[in-house]
Structures are given as structure tokens and as C-alpha cells.
Amino acid sequence: MEPILEEMIKRLDFKKEQFMKFIPALEHAFVANQNSENAFAMAKYMRNNFSFFGIKTENRRRIFKEIWKQNKKEVTENAREIALELYSKPQREFHYCAIEILIKELKGNYKKDDIQNIEKLIVTNTWWDSVDTIAKYILGEYLLEFPLETKNIIARFSKSENMWLNRSAILFQLNYKQKTNFELLKVECNKHKMSKEFFIQKAIGWALREYAKTNPEAVKIFVANNNLMPLSTKEALKNIK
């Protein structure tokens, strides 16, 4: 084996050993609290795209936060690696935990190349619940920290053949309020307005409805002057009198 490759493997193994306590502890707790009846219902709700331990949200977060608290240093120092490891597991509860770790640990501490992992998360284990949270709280926060990256990243996501990247390009400003780049939002809405995808039509309406809380008149004018799909129009104007 090449010395450089051998050294890299040693570093990766050492890095993995650093978070050997947190993940096994979390997995042990989830197994101990699993509920097969709930798991069946949760999987059915998610169209059987994922398996579940069957732990309801409130209880999952209670368990997760306690184990996180016990291993705080380990999680903080290895947040990215731990999140990716959790996201590679089959049970959906692990994916939720991975996202919550990244939201908390990376805010204000993003690195420019984090976009690679953000994109990987969006296109892996995909469904609306994970994608929407990642778009709003991770992709959105990342682009606030690296605003000069916005144009190229959103253009790339928007042109992708992956529908979830398209949806993320529409939704990433959900939390921006007055910081919303409405011109960019309008471009994204118009680019995808003829899509027959339910999740794209819904995303357009949701993004516009959210911005309407800041500037309802601008949203009304945009909707009136652009031929959006009925679902997008309905969602956009839902809270405007």
C-alpha cells in the first residue's frame, strides 16, 4: 500500500474512533424505545420509502438531546462526519438527527466546500420532510454565509434533472424575510412554473406565500402577471386578503 494512502486510512480510522461513543449510544437508545406499531404507520405515511424505529418526534428528540448532551464535545468536533454516518443508516430517525446536528453545529461555522455535503444530503434518502428542512435551515444558512456563491449554486440546482434540487432552489429563502432576493425567487418560479410535479408546484406557492408575509403586494402583482399553475397560485395567495 502506498504510504500516503495508508496514512489517509489511518487518519480516517482515527477520526471514526472519535465518534464511536455517540452513534452506538444513540442506536442503542432507539432500539430500546422502538415501537413496531408506530413504525408501520410512519413508514406507510412516508409511502414506505424508509424504515422507522417507530419513535414519535417528541420522544425521539428527548432521547437524542440527552445523548447529544452526554457527548457534546464529540459531536461538536465531528459534526460533519457524524451526520454523514447517521444519514447512511436506513432508519429515518437517524436522518432527522443528522439534520438537526448540522443545523445547530454548522450555523455561523460553514466552510465553502460544505456545499458538497449539502447537495449529497438533498439527493440522498430524499423526501419532502428532509429536503425542506435542509433547504430552509442548512442550504439557506450556508448561502447567507457565502452570498457570492448563491448565483452559481442556485443556477446549478435549478438546472439539475433532480427534482429535489429544483425544489431546494425555490425554497432556500424561506427563512430570509426582508433579506429575500425577490428577483431571484421570481426567476426560479417562472423557470419551473409549467412543471407538472406536485412538489414543484407546491414549492412555488409556498415560497411566494412566505414572502407575502413581508411584501404581500409584490406577491399579488407577480401572481397576477404570471401564468402560474392553479396549485401554485392557490398556495401563494392563501393568506392574502
Protein backbone atom coordinates (compact mmCIF):
# COMPACT_ATOMS: atom_id res chain seq x y z
CA MET A 1 0.00 0.00 0.00
CA GLU A 2 1.22 3.49 -0.85
CA PRO A 3 2.44 5.36 2.29
CA ILE A 4 0.19 8.37 1.57
CA LEU A 5 -2.91 6.19 1.15
CA GLU A 6 -2.06 4.23 4.28
CA GLU A 7 -1.73 7.46 6.25
CA MET A 8 -5.09 8.71 4.96
CA ILE A 9 -6.80 5.49 6.04
CA LYS A 10 -5.20 5.75 9.47
CA ARG A 11 -6.50 9.31 9.80
CA LEU A 12 -10.00 8.28 8.76
CA ASP A 13 -9.97 5.35 11.20
CA PHE A 14 -8.78 7.63 13.99
CA LYS A 15 -11.44 10.18 13.10
CA LYS A 16 -14.12 7.50 13.19
CA GLU A 17 -12.92 6.30 16.61
CA GLN A 18 -13.50 9.82 17.91
CA PHE A 19 -17.24 9.46 17.49
CA MET A 20 -17.58 5.81 18.38
CA LYS A 21 -19.49 6.59 21.58
CA PHE A 22 -22.24 8.87 20.33
CA ILE A 23 -23.66 6.85 17.44
CA PRO A 24 -23.73 3.45 19.24
CA ALA A 25 -25.35 5.10 22.27
CA LEU A 26 -28.00 6.70 20.07
CA GLU A 27 -28.64 3.46 18.21
CA HIS A 28 -28.93 1.51 21.47
CA ALA A 29 -31.45 4.00 22.84
CA PHE A 30 -33.53 3.96 19.65
CA VAL A 31 -33.62 0.15 19.60
CA ALA A 32 -34.68 0.12 23.25
CA ASN A 33 -37.53 2.54 22.52
CA GLN A 34 -38.72 1.15 19.18
CA ASN A 35 -42.43 0.57 18.60
CA SER A 36 -43.39 -1.72 15.74
CA GLU A 37 -46.97 -0.44 15.50
CA ASN A 38 -45.80 3.17 15.22
CA ALA A 39 -43.04 2.12 12.81
CA PHE A 40 -45.57 0.55 10.44
CA ALA A 41 -47.78 3.67 10.48
CA MET A 42 -44.80 6.02 9.99
CA ALA A 43 -43.45 4.03 7.07
CA LYS A 44 -46.87 3.95 5.46
CA TYR A 45 -47.20 7.74 5.83
CA MET A 46 -43.86 8.11 4.07
CA ARG A 47 -45.07 5.79 1.28
CA ASN A 48 -42.71 3.08 2.56
CA ASN A 49 -39.67 4.97 1.33
CA PHE A 50 -37.95 4.47 4.70
CA SER A 51 -37.90 2.16 7.67
CA PHE A 52 -38.55 3.54 11.16
CA PHE A 53 -37.92 2.61 14.76
CA GLY A 54 -41.40 3.97 15.41
CA ILE A 55 -40.32 6.65 17.89
CA LYS A 56 -42.56 9.70 17.78
CA THR A 57 -40.98 13.12 17.33
CA GLU A 58 -41.20 14.39 20.90
CA ASN A 59 -39.72 11.22 22.36
CA ARG A 60 -37.07 10.96 19.66
CA ARG A 61 -35.88 14.49 20.33
CA ARG A 62 -35.83 13.88 24.08
CA ILE A 63 -33.65 10.77 23.67
CA PHE A 64 -31.46 12.42 21.06
CA LYS A 65 -30.84 15.60 23.06
CA GLU A 66 -29.90 13.65 26.18
CA ILE A 67 -27.32 11.53 24.35
CA TRP A 68 -26.09 14.59 22.47
CA LYS A 69 -25.63 16.37 25.81
CA GLN A 70 -23.63 13.43 27.16
CA ASN A 71 -21.35 13.51 24.10
CA LYS A 72 -21.36 17.23 23.33
CA LYS A 73 -17.62 17.63 22.70
CA GLU A 74 -17.51 14.59 20.44
CA VAL A 75 -20.47 15.78 18.34
CA THR A 76 -19.23 19.36 18.04
CA GLU A 77 -15.77 18.30 16.91
CA ASN A 78 -17.07 15.72 14.42
CA ALA A 79 -20.43 17.13 13.37
CA ARG A 80 -20.00 16.62 9.63
CA GLU A 81 -18.67 13.08 9.89
CA ILE A 82 -21.32 12.04 12.41
CA ALA A 83 -24.12 13.50 10.31
CA LEU A 84 -22.98 11.64 7.19
CA GLU A 85 -22.66 8.41 9.15
CA LEU A 86 -26.17 8.79 10.56
CA TYR A 87 -27.53 9.64 7.13
CA SER A 88 -26.15 6.40 5.71
CA LYS A 89 -28.29 4.33 8.08
CA PRO A 90 -31.69 3.00 6.95
CA GLN A 91 -33.94 4.25 9.76
CA ARG A 92 -35.49 7.68 9.20
CA GLU A 93 -35.00 8.77 12.81
CA PHE A 94 -31.22 8.78 12.23
CA HIS A 95 -31.65 11.09 9.24
CA TYR A 96 -33.62 13.59 11.32
CA CYS A 97 -30.88 13.55 13.95
CA ALA A 98 -28.19 14.14 11.33
CA ILE A 99 -30.02 17.19 10.01
CA GLU A 100 -30.57 18.63 13.48
CA ILE A 101 -26.86 18.24 14.31
CA LEU A 102 -25.84 20.15 11.18
CA ILE A 103 -28.40 22.91 11.74
CA LYS A 104 -27.07 23.60 15.23
CA GLU A 105 -23.37 22.89 14.87
CA LEU A 106 -22.66 24.49 11.49
CA LYS A 107 -24.63 27.73 11.80
CA GLY A 108 -22.06 30.53 11.65
CA ASN A 109 -19.33 27.92 11.05
CA TYR A 110 -19.86 26.77 7.48
CA LYS A 111 -16.92 26.06 5.19
CA LYS A 112 -17.18 26.80 1.49
CA ASP A 113 -16.85 23.15 0.50
CA ASP A 114 -19.76 22.18 2.77
CA ILE A 115 -21.97 22.65 -0.29
CA GLN A 116 -20.79 19.24 -1.49
CA ASN A 117 -22.26 17.53 1.57
CA ILE A 118 -25.38 19.70 1.47
CA GLU A 119 -26.06 18.60 -2.09
CA LYS A 120 -25.37 14.99 -1.14
CA LEU A 121 -27.91 15.18 1.69
CA ILE A 122 -30.57 16.69 -0.59
CA VAL A 123 -30.28 13.89 -3.16
CA THR A 124 -29.87 11.04 -0.65
CA ASN A 125 -32.79 9.45 1.25
CA THR A 126 -34.98 12.07 -0.40
CA TRP A 127 -38.48 13.04 0.58
CA TRP A 128 -40.18 16.36 1.31
CA ASP A 129 -39.61 16.25 5.08
CA SER A 130 -35.82 16.11 4.88
CA VAL A 131 -35.38 18.19 1.73
CA ASP A 132 -37.49 21.09 3.00
CA THR A 133 -35.62 21.26 6.30
CA ILE A 134 -32.24 21.08 4.59
CA ALA A 135 -33.22 23.74 2.04
CA LYS A 136 -34.53 26.18 4.64
CA TYR A 137 -32.15 25.73 7.55
CA ILE A 138 -28.93 24.39 6.02
CA LEU A 139 -28.70 25.48 2.37
CA GLY A 140 -30.33 28.80 3.25
CA GLU A 141 -27.92 29.44 6.13
CA TYR A 142 -24.92 28.38 4.05
CA LEU A 143 -25.79 30.88 1.31
CA LEU A 144 -26.24 33.66 3.87
CA GLU A 145 -22.67 32.98 4.95
CA PHE A 146 -21.41 32.71 1.35
CA PRO A 147 -23.73 35.04 -0.60
CA LEU A 148 -21.37 35.26 -3.58
CA GLU A 149 -21.94 31.53 -4.13
CA THR A 150 -25.71 31.94 -4.44
CA LYS A 151 -25.99 32.68 -8.14
CA ASN A 152 -23.92 29.71 -9.34
CA ILE A 153 -25.25 27.19 -6.81
CA ILE A 154 -28.91 28.03 -7.33
CA ALA A 155 -28.46 28.05 -11.12
CA ARG A 156 -26.87 24.61 -10.94
CA PHE A 157 -29.55 23.21 -8.63
CA SER A 158 -32.28 24.76 -10.75
CA LYS A 159 -30.96 23.19 -13.98
CA SER A 160 -30.50 19.77 -12.42
CA GLU A 161 -32.58 16.81 -13.52
CA ASN A 162 -33.07 16.05 -9.82
CA MET A 163 -36.46 17.43 -8.79
CA TRP A 164 -35.41 17.82 -5.14
CA LEU A 165 -32.53 20.09 -6.08
CA ASN A 166 -35.01 22.14 -8.14
CA ARG A 167 -37.31 22.36 -5.11
CA SER A 168 -34.41 23.41 -2.89
CA ALA A 169 -33.51 26.21 -5.31
CA ILE A 170 -37.04 27.55 -4.93
CA LEU A 171 -37.31 27.11 -1.15
CA PHE A 172 -33.89 28.08 0.23
CA GLN A 173 -35.02 31.65 1.04
CA LEU A 174 -37.98 30.58 3.18
CA ASN A 175 -36.36 32.00 6.31
CA TYR A 176 -34.96 35.17 4.71
CA LYS A 177 -37.93 37.57 5.17
CA GLN A 178 -36.62 41.08 4.33
CA LYS A 179 -33.36 39.55 3.08
CA THR A 180 -35.22 37.68 0.33
CA ASN A 181 -33.89 38.27 -3.16
CA PHE A 182 -37.31 38.53 -4.75
CA GLU A 183 -35.89 38.93 -8.23
CA LEU A 184 -34.16 35.57 -7.88
CA LEU A 185 -37.29 34.00 -6.44
CA LYS A 186 -39.33 35.26 -9.39
CA VAL A 187 -36.79 33.82 -11.82
CA GLU A 188 -36.98 30.43 -10.12
CA CYS A 189 -40.78 30.46 -10.03
CA ASN A 190 -41.02 31.34 -13.71
CA LYS A 191 -38.40 28.79 -14.65
CA HIS A 192 -40.41 25.96 -13.12
CA LYS A 193 -43.97 27.28 -13.29
CA MET A 194 -45.06 24.83 -16.01
CA SER A 195 -43.76 21.81 -14.12
CA LYS A 196 -46.28 19.02 -13.63
CA GLU A 197 -44.51 17.89 -10.47
CA PHE A 198 -46.73 18.35 -7.42
CA PHE A 199 -43.73 19.11 -5.21
CA ILE A 200 -42.52 21.85 -7.56
CA GLN A 201 -45.93 23.50 -7.91
CA LYS A 202 -46.35 23.37 -4.14
CA ALA A 203 -42.85 24.79 -3.55
CA ILE A 204 -43.54 27.79 -5.80
CA GLY A 205 -46.74 28.56 -3.91
CA TRP A 206 -45.12 28.06 -0.52
CA ALA A 207 -42.12 30.29 -1.30
CA LEU A 208 -44.37 33.07 -2.57
CA ARG A 209 -46.77 32.71 0.37
CA GLU A 210 -43.88 33.02 2.79
CA TYR A 211 -42.54 36.14 1.09
CA ALA A 212 -46.07 37.58 1.09
CA LYS A 213 -45.73 37.89 4.87
CA THR A 214 -43.06 40.53 4.12
CA ASN A 215 -44.38 42.03 0.89
CA PRO A 216 -47.93 40.90 0.04
CA GLU A 217 -48.46 43.49 -2.69
CA ALA A 218 -45.39 42.34 -4.62
CA VAL A 219 -46.59 38.76 -4.49
CA LYS A 220 -50.09 39.71 -5.64
CA ILE A 221 -48.69 41.61 -8.61
CA PHE A 222 -46.34 38.76 -9.54
CA VAL A 223 -49.09 36.14 -9.38
CA ALA A 224 -51.47 38.34 -11.38
CA ASN A 225 -48.93 38.88 -14.15
CA ASN A 226 -47.55 35.36 -14.46
CA ASN A 227 -49.39 32.28 -15.57
CA LEU A 228 -48.70 30.01 -12.60
CA MET A 229 -50.28 26.61 -12.16
CA PRO A 230 -53.56 26.68 -10.16
CA LEU A 231 -51.97 24.93 -7.17
CA SER A 232 -49.08 27.42 -7.06
CA THR A 233 -51.49 30.35 -7.34
CA LYS A 234 -53.77 29.00 -4.61
CA GLU A 235 -50.86 28.43 -2.23
CA ALA A 236 -49.24 31.80 -2.97
CA LEU A 237 -52.39 33.81 -2.24
CA LYS A 238 -53.69 31.69 0.63
CA ASN A 239 -53.06 34.27 3.36
CA ILE A 240 -53.51 37.45 1.31
CA LYS A 241 -56.84 39.19 1.79
